[in-house]
Structure formats: structure tokens, C-alpha cells
């Protein structure tokens, strides 16, 4: 009798949980993957750019530690406030000569 009282609720829980797992696993994977991929896409997979976008503020140190594409996009983004040293970094990046990257 004691075994039946213990085993029957467990069997019932497993019967309910298996169909629920079919729904919950994709939802959890989607909610974990999509925001991470979006942060990477929005920042060009550059963690420094993510923080600059989040706080709308950049200094020279942050700009020097970004990827080239992230740096260019940050310098051209009017919504991001740049410090004086960041403006100097952006001026150097945006004023390139012929044949330079």
C-alpha cells in the first residue's frame, strides 16, 4: 500500500511532465538563444560595443578596444555621447588617406 501511494503520484507527474517538456524545452532554448544572438548582431559580436550601446556613452579606451567595424559604427552613431579622447579616436578613424583601412 505504501509503495502504491509513493509510486502512483510519481507516475502521474511523469505522464504530465513529458508533454510539458515538449513545449517547455523549445521555449527555454528560444528565450536563451535569441537575446544572445540579437546582442551579438547588434554589437557586431563585440562586448565593448554592447556596453556602449547600452549606456549611450563611449570614451577613448572603449573605442580602442572595439573591432574595426564596431568602432566605425560607434563613431557614426549620433545617439552615443563621446568624450574628448573618444572624439580624437573617431577623428583618426574617420579621416583616412587613400589606400588605408
C-alpha atoms as a PDB file:
ATOM      1  CA  UNK A   1       0.000   0.000   0.000  1.00  0.00           C
ATOM      2  CA  UNK A   2       2.831   2.387   0.876  1.00  0.00           C
ATOM      3  CA  UNK A   3       4.579   1.629  -2.394  1.00  0.00           C
ATOM      4  CA  UNK A   4       1.410   2.383  -4.349  1.00  0.00           C
ATOM      5  CA  UNK A   5       0.992   5.699  -2.512  1.00  0.00           C
ATOM      6  CA  UNK A   6       4.566   6.647  -3.429  1.00  0.00           C
ATOM      7  CA  UNK A   7       4.730   5.310  -6.990  1.00  0.00           C
ATOM      8  CA  UNK A   8       1.308   6.427  -8.300  1.00  0.00           C
ATOM      9  CA  UNK A   9       1.912  10.176  -7.828  1.00  0.00           C
ATOM     10  CA  UNK A  10       5.352   9.833  -9.432  1.00  0.00           C
ATOM     11  CA  UNK A  11       3.864   8.059 -12.459  1.00  0.00           C
ATOM     12  CA  UNK A  12       1.209  10.754 -12.729  1.00  0.00           C
ATOM     13  CA  UNK A  13       3.815  13.533 -12.558  1.00  0.00           C
ATOM     14  CA  UNK A  14       5.923  11.872 -15.257  1.00  0.00           C
ATOM     15  CA  UNK A  15       2.879  11.460 -17.513  1.00  0.00           C
ATOM     16  CA  UNK A  16       2.079  15.154 -17.132  1.00  0.00           C
ATOM     17  CA  UNK A  17       5.703  16.308 -17.367  1.00  0.00           C
ATOM     18  CA  UNK A  18       6.632  14.571 -20.636  1.00  0.00           C
ATOM     19  CA  UNK A  19       4.160  16.515 -22.813  1.00  0.00           C
ATOM     20  CA  UNK A  20       5.045  19.684 -20.937  1.00  0.00           C
ATOM     21  CA  UNK A  21       8.737  19.149 -21.706  1.00  0.00           C
ATOM     22  CA  UNK A  22       7.933  19.040 -25.406  1.00  0.00           C
ATOM     23  CA  UNK A  23       6.608  22.590 -25.061  1.00  0.00           C
ATOM     24  CA  UNK A  24       8.964  23.970 -22.426  1.00  0.00           C
ATOM     25  CA  UNK A  25      12.313  22.893 -23.922  1.00  0.00           C
ATOM     26  CA  UNK A  26      11.899  24.844 -27.207  1.00  0.00           C
ATOM     27  CA  UNK A  27      10.575  27.877 -25.328  1.00  0.00           C
ATOM     28  CA  UNK A  28      13.544  27.887 -22.930  1.00  0.00           C
ATOM     29  CA  UNK A  29      16.052  27.380 -25.757  1.00  0.00           C
ATOM     30  CA  UNK A  30      14.443  30.162 -27.786  1.00  0.00           C
ATOM     31  CA  UNK A  31      14.414  32.586 -24.858  1.00  0.00           C
ATOM     32  CA  UNK A  32      18.088  31.834 -24.141  1.00  0.00           C
ATOM     33  CA  UNK A  33      19.384  31.918 -27.710  1.00  0.00           C
ATOM     34  CA  UNK A  34      17.504  34.776 -29.340  1.00  0.00           C
ATOM     35  CA  UNK A  35      18.502  37.609 -26.953  1.00  0.00           C
ATOM     36  CA  UNK A  36      22.126  36.424 -27.025  1.00  0.00           C
ATOM     37  CA  UNK A  37      22.205  36.313 -30.807  1.00  0.00           C
ATOM     38  CA  UNK A  38      20.482  39.695 -31.037  1.00  0.00           C
ATOM     39  CA  UNK A  39      23.033  41.274 -28.681  1.00  0.00           C
ATOM     40  CA  UNK A  40      25.805  39.825 -30.820  1.00  0.00           C
ATOM     41  CA  UNK A  41      24.222  41.001 -34.064  1.00  0.00           C
ATOM     42  CA  UNK A  42      23.500  44.495 -32.749  1.00  0.00           C
ATOM     43  CA  UNK A  43      27.027  44.872 -31.443  1.00  0.00           C
ATOM     44  CA  UNK A  44      28.855  43.089 -34.272  1.00  0.00           C
ATOM     45  CA  UNK A  45      29.757  40.437 -31.674  1.00  0.00           C
ATOM     46  CA  UNK A  46      31.767  42.989 -29.721  1.00  0.00           C
ATOM     47  CA  UNK A  47      31.144  43.091 -25.959  1.00  0.00           C
ATOM     48  CA  UNK A  48      32.536  46.616 -25.644  1.00  0.00           C
ATOM     49  CA  UNK A  49      30.104  47.908 -28.252  1.00  0.00           C
ATOM     50  CA  UNK A  50      27.216  46.258 -26.386  1.00  0.00           C
ATOM     51  CA  UNK A  51      28.084  48.261 -23.276  1.00  0.00           C
ATOM     52  CA  UNK A  52      28.500  51.466 -25.300  1.00  0.00           C
ATOM     53  CA  UNK A  53      25.091  50.946 -26.889  1.00  0.00           C
ATOM     54  CA  UNK A  54      23.554  50.125 -23.511  1.00  0.00           C
ATOM     55  CA  UNK A  55      24.892  53.241 -21.753  1.00  0.00           C
ATOM     56  CA  UNK A  56      24.952  55.554 -24.827  1.00  0.00           C
ATOM     57  CA  UNK A  57      28.411  56.750 -23.759  1.00  0.00           C
ATOM     58  CA  UNK A  58      31.934  55.989 -25.003  1.00  0.00           C
ATOM     59  CA  UNK A  59      35.453  57.003 -24.094  1.00  0.00           C
ATOM     60  CA  UNK A  60      38.722  56.552 -25.977  1.00  0.00           C
ATOM     61  CA  UNK A  61      39.682  53.391 -24.107  1.00  0.00           C
ATOM     62  CA  UNK A  62      36.419  51.691 -25.066  1.00  0.00           C
ATOM     63  CA  UNK A  63      36.776  52.724 -28.712  1.00  0.00           C
ATOM     64  CA  UNK A  64      40.354  51.453 -28.934  1.00  0.00           C
ATOM     65  CA  UNK A  65      39.227  48.027 -27.711  1.00  0.00           C
ATOM     66  CA  UNK A  66      36.461  47.549 -30.287  1.00  0.00           C
ATOM     67  CA  UNK A  67      36.542  45.743 -33.583  1.00  0.00           C
ATOM     68  CA  UNK A  68      37.088  47.960 -36.619  1.00  0.00           C
ATOM     69  CA  UNK A  69      33.501  47.705 -37.780  1.00  0.00           C
ATOM     70  CA  UNK A  70      32.140  48.351 -34.287  1.00  0.00           C
ATOM     71  CA  UNK A  71      34.431  51.362 -33.939  1.00  0.00           C
ATOM     72  CA  UNK A  72      33.281  52.806 -37.255  1.00  0.00           C
ATOM     73  CA  UNK A  73      29.616  52.268 -36.433  1.00  0.00           C
ATOM     74  CA  UNK A  74      30.061  53.789 -32.965  1.00  0.00           C
ATOM     75  CA  UNK A  75      31.804  56.875 -34.351  1.00  0.00           C
ATOM     76  CA  UNK A  76      28.987  57.389 -36.853  1.00  0.00           C
ATOM     77  CA  UNK A  77      26.195  56.865 -34.309  1.00  0.00           C
ATOM     78  CA  UNK A  78      24.803  60.248 -33.258  1.00  0.00           C
ATOM     79  CA  UNK A  79      22.998  58.755 -30.248  1.00  0.00           C
ATOM     80  CA  UNK A  80      26.260  57.827 -28.492  1.00  0.00           C
ATOM     81  CA  UNK A  81      27.895  60.586 -26.476  1.00  0.00           C
ATOM     82  CA  UNK A  82      31.682  60.688 -26.982  1.00  0.00           C
ATOM     83  CA  UNK A  83      34.263  62.060 -24.558  1.00  0.00           C
ATOM     84  CA  UNK A  84      37.069  64.325 -25.808  1.00  0.00           C
ATOM     85  CA  UNK A  85      39.536  61.441 -26.109  1.00  0.00           C
ATOM     86  CA  UNK A  86      36.886  59.377 -27.936  1.00  0.00           C
ATOM     87  CA  UNK A  87      36.354  62.241 -30.395  1.00  0.00           C
ATOM     88  CA  UNK A  88      40.098  62.203 -31.114  1.00  0.00           C
ATOM     89  CA  UNK A  89      39.988  58.435 -31.769  1.00  0.00           C
ATOM     90  CA  UNK A  90      36.989  58.869 -34.068  1.00  0.00           C
ATOM     91  CA  UNK A  91      38.677  61.713 -35.950  1.00  0.00           C
ATOM     92  CA  UNK A  92      41.693  59.478 -36.542  1.00  0.00           C
ATOM     93  CA  UNK A  93      39.476  56.614 -37.718  1.00  0.00           C
ATOM     94  CA  UNK A  94      37.189  58.650 -39.970  1.00  0.00           C
ATOM     95  CA  UNK A  95      39.988  60.680 -41.639  1.00  0.00           C
ATOM     96  CA  UNK A  96      41.882  58.038 -43.558  1.00  0.00           C
ATOM     97  CA  UNK A  97      44.067  58.519 -46.596  1.00  0.00           C
ATOM     98  CA  UNK A  98      43.812  56.720 -49.920  1.00  0.00           C
ATOM     99  CA  UNK A  99      44.549  53.011 -49.636  1.00  0.00           C
ATOM    100  CA  UNK A 100      44.174  52.940 -45.851  1.00  0.00           C
ATOM    101  CA  UNK A 101      41.538  50.978 -43.943  1.00  0.00           C
END
